[in-house]
Amino acid sequence: MALTGVACPFVLGFALATWWGNPTLVALFVGAMLTATSVGITARVLSDLGRLQEAAASSRPSPTFSSRSSSSRSG
């Protein structure tokens, strides 16, 4: 999920800026700016909802998943 929230704005911003005839450096800048905005908005929404500490809000894999899978293998 986090990868989509970063990759989509970057790729779409880059593609749109390139399609409008901007140089590659400008297109990279547009993609980067849209990515930064997207990540900032997502963090603010999760914070406002009080869900910033949940595993789904983290870009790291949850330790809960690894402990579940290791315990299910041993049993």
C-alpha atoms as a PDB file:
ATOM      1  CA  MET A   1       0.000   0.000   0.000  1.00  0.00           C
ATOM      2  CA  ALA A   2       2.753   2.433   0.899  1.00  0.00           C
ATOM      3  CA  LEU A   3       4.582   1.698  -2.327  1.00  0.00           C
ATOM      4  CA  THR A   4       1.474   2.539  -4.335  1.00  0.00           C
ATOM      5  CA  GLY A   5       1.049   5.818  -2.462  1.00  0.00           C
ATOM      6  CA  VAL A   6       4.574   6.839  -3.423  1.00  0.00           C
ATOM      7  CA  ALA A   7       4.968   5.278  -6.862  1.00  0.00           C
ATOM      8  CA  CYS A   8       1.653   6.338  -8.392  1.00  0.00           C
ATOM      9  CA  PRO A   9       1.992  10.102  -7.806  1.00  0.00           C
ATOM     10  CA  PHE A  10       5.602  10.018  -8.975  1.00  0.00           C
ATOM     11  CA  VAL A  11       4.969   8.019 -12.136  1.00  0.00           C
ATOM     12  CA  LEU A  12       1.793   9.888 -13.049  1.00  0.00           C
ATOM     13  CA  GLY A  13       3.358  13.292 -12.355  1.00  0.00           C
ATOM     14  CA  PHE A  14       6.448  12.417 -14.366  1.00  0.00           C
ATOM     15  CA  ALA A  15       4.381  11.037 -17.256  1.00  0.00           C
ATOM     16  CA  LEU A  16       2.047  14.010 -17.354  1.00  0.00           C
ATOM     17  CA  ALA A  17       4.869  16.560 -17.217  1.00  0.00           C
ATOM     18  CA  THR A  18       6.722  14.700 -19.971  1.00  0.00           C
ATOM     19  CA  TRP A  19       3.563  14.486 -22.081  1.00  0.00           C
ATOM     20  CA  TRP A  20       3.159  18.268 -21.756  1.00  0.00           C
ATOM     21  CA  GLY A  21       6.621  18.624 -23.295  1.00  0.00           C
ATOM     22  CA  ASN A  22       8.651  19.514 -20.198  1.00  0.00           C
ATOM     23  CA  PRO A  23      12.322  18.484 -19.950  1.00  0.00           C
ATOM     24  CA  THR A  24      13.171  15.352 -17.980  1.00  0.00           C
ATOM     25  CA  LEU A  25      14.511  17.305 -15.004  1.00  0.00           C
ATOM     26  CA  VAL A  26      11.268  19.285 -14.722  1.00  0.00           C
ATOM     27  CA  ALA A  27       9.235  16.076 -15.032  1.00  0.00           C
ATOM     28  CA  LEU A  28      11.284  14.490 -12.240  1.00  0.00           C
ATOM     29  CA  PHE A  29      10.663  17.550 -10.078  1.00  0.00           C
ATOM     30  CA  VAL A  30       6.892  17.407 -10.706  1.00  0.00           C
ATOM     31  CA  GLY A  31       6.806  13.708  -9.825  1.00  0.00           C
ATOM     32  CA  ALA A  32       8.832  14.287  -6.661  1.00  0.00           C
ATOM     33  CA  MET A  33       6.618  17.171  -5.566  1.00  0.00           C
ATOM     34  CA  LEU A  34       3.454  15.135  -6.042  1.00  0.00           C
ATOM     35  CA  THR A  35       5.007  12.279  -4.072  1.00  0.00           C
ATOM     36  CA  ALA A  36       5.964  14.547  -1.175  1.00  0.00           C
ATOM     37  CA  THR A  37       2.469  16.030  -1.118  1.00  0.00           C
ATOM     38  CA  SER A  38       0.846  12.590  -1.227  1.00  0.00           C
ATOM     39  CA  VAL A  39       2.931  11.247   1.667  1.00  0.00           C
ATOM     40  CA  GLY A  40       2.274  14.386   3.724  1.00  0.00           C
ATOM     41  CA  ILE A  41      -1.473  14.212   3.200  1.00  0.00           C
ATOM     42  CA  THR A  42      -1.544  10.504   4.056  1.00  0.00           C
ATOM     43  CA  ALA A  43       0.406  11.083   7.279  1.00  0.00           C
ATOM     44  CA  ARG A  44      -1.916  13.926   8.287  1.00  0.00           C
ATOM     45  CA  VAL A  45      -5.075  11.897   7.643  1.00  0.00           C
ATOM     46  CA  LEU A  46      -3.746   8.905   9.594  1.00  0.00           C
ATOM     47  CA  SER A  47      -2.724  11.232  12.424  1.00  0.00           C
ATOM     48  CA  ASP A  48      -6.136  12.899  12.533  1.00  0.00           C
ATOM     49  CA  LEU A  49      -7.820   9.502  12.661  1.00  0.00           C
ATOM     50  CA  GLY A  50      -5.504   8.396  15.478  1.00  0.00           C
ATOM     51  CA  ARG A  51      -4.207   5.483  13.414  1.00  0.00           C
ATOM     52  CA  LEU A  52      -0.631   6.579  12.848  1.00  0.00           C
ATOM     53  CA  GLN A  53       0.714   3.967  15.308  1.00  0.00           C
ATOM     54  CA  GLU A  54      -1.054   0.999  13.665  1.00  0.00           C
ATOM     55  CA  ALA A  55       0.878  -1.525  11.593  1.00  0.00           C
ATOM     56  CA  ALA A  56      -0.965  -0.549   8.408  1.00  0.00           C
ATOM     57  CA  ALA A  57       0.319   3.024   8.758  1.00  0.00           C
ATOM     58  CA  SER A  58       3.926   1.883   8.947  1.00  0.00           C
ATOM     59  CA  SER A  59       6.148   1.300   5.955  1.00  0.00           C
ATOM     60  CA  ARG A  60       7.873  -1.502   7.890  1.00  0.00           C
ATOM     61  CA  PRO A  61       6.459  -5.017   8.022  1.00  0.00           C
ATOM     62  CA  SER A  62       4.614  -5.633  11.248  1.00  0.00           C
ATOM     63  CA  PRO A  63       6.359  -7.943  13.733  1.00  0.00           C
ATOM     64  CA  THR A  64       2.918  -9.443  14.341  1.00  0.00           C
ATOM     65  CA  PHE A  65       2.952 -11.043  10.914  1.00  0.00           C
ATOM     66  CA  SER A  66       6.356 -12.650  11.396  1.00  0.00           C
ATOM     67  CA  SER A  67       5.449 -14.031  14.830  1.00  0.00           C
ATOM     68  CA  ARG A  68       2.212 -15.482  13.495  1.00  0.00           C
ATOM     69  CA  SER A  69       3.909 -17.211  10.606  1.00  0.00           C
ATOM     70  CA  SER A  70       6.684 -18.645  12.794  1.00  0.00           C
ATOM     71  CA  SER A  71       4.235 -19.935  15.401  1.00  0.00           C
ATOM     72  CA  SER A  72       2.015 -21.510  12.751  1.00  0.00           C
ATOM     73  CA  ARG A  73       4.998 -23.431  11.338  1.00  0.00           C
ATOM     74  CA  SER A  74       5.965 -24.906  14.657  1.00  0.00           C
ATOM     75  CA  GLY A  75       2.460 -26.176  15.484  1.00  0.00           C
END
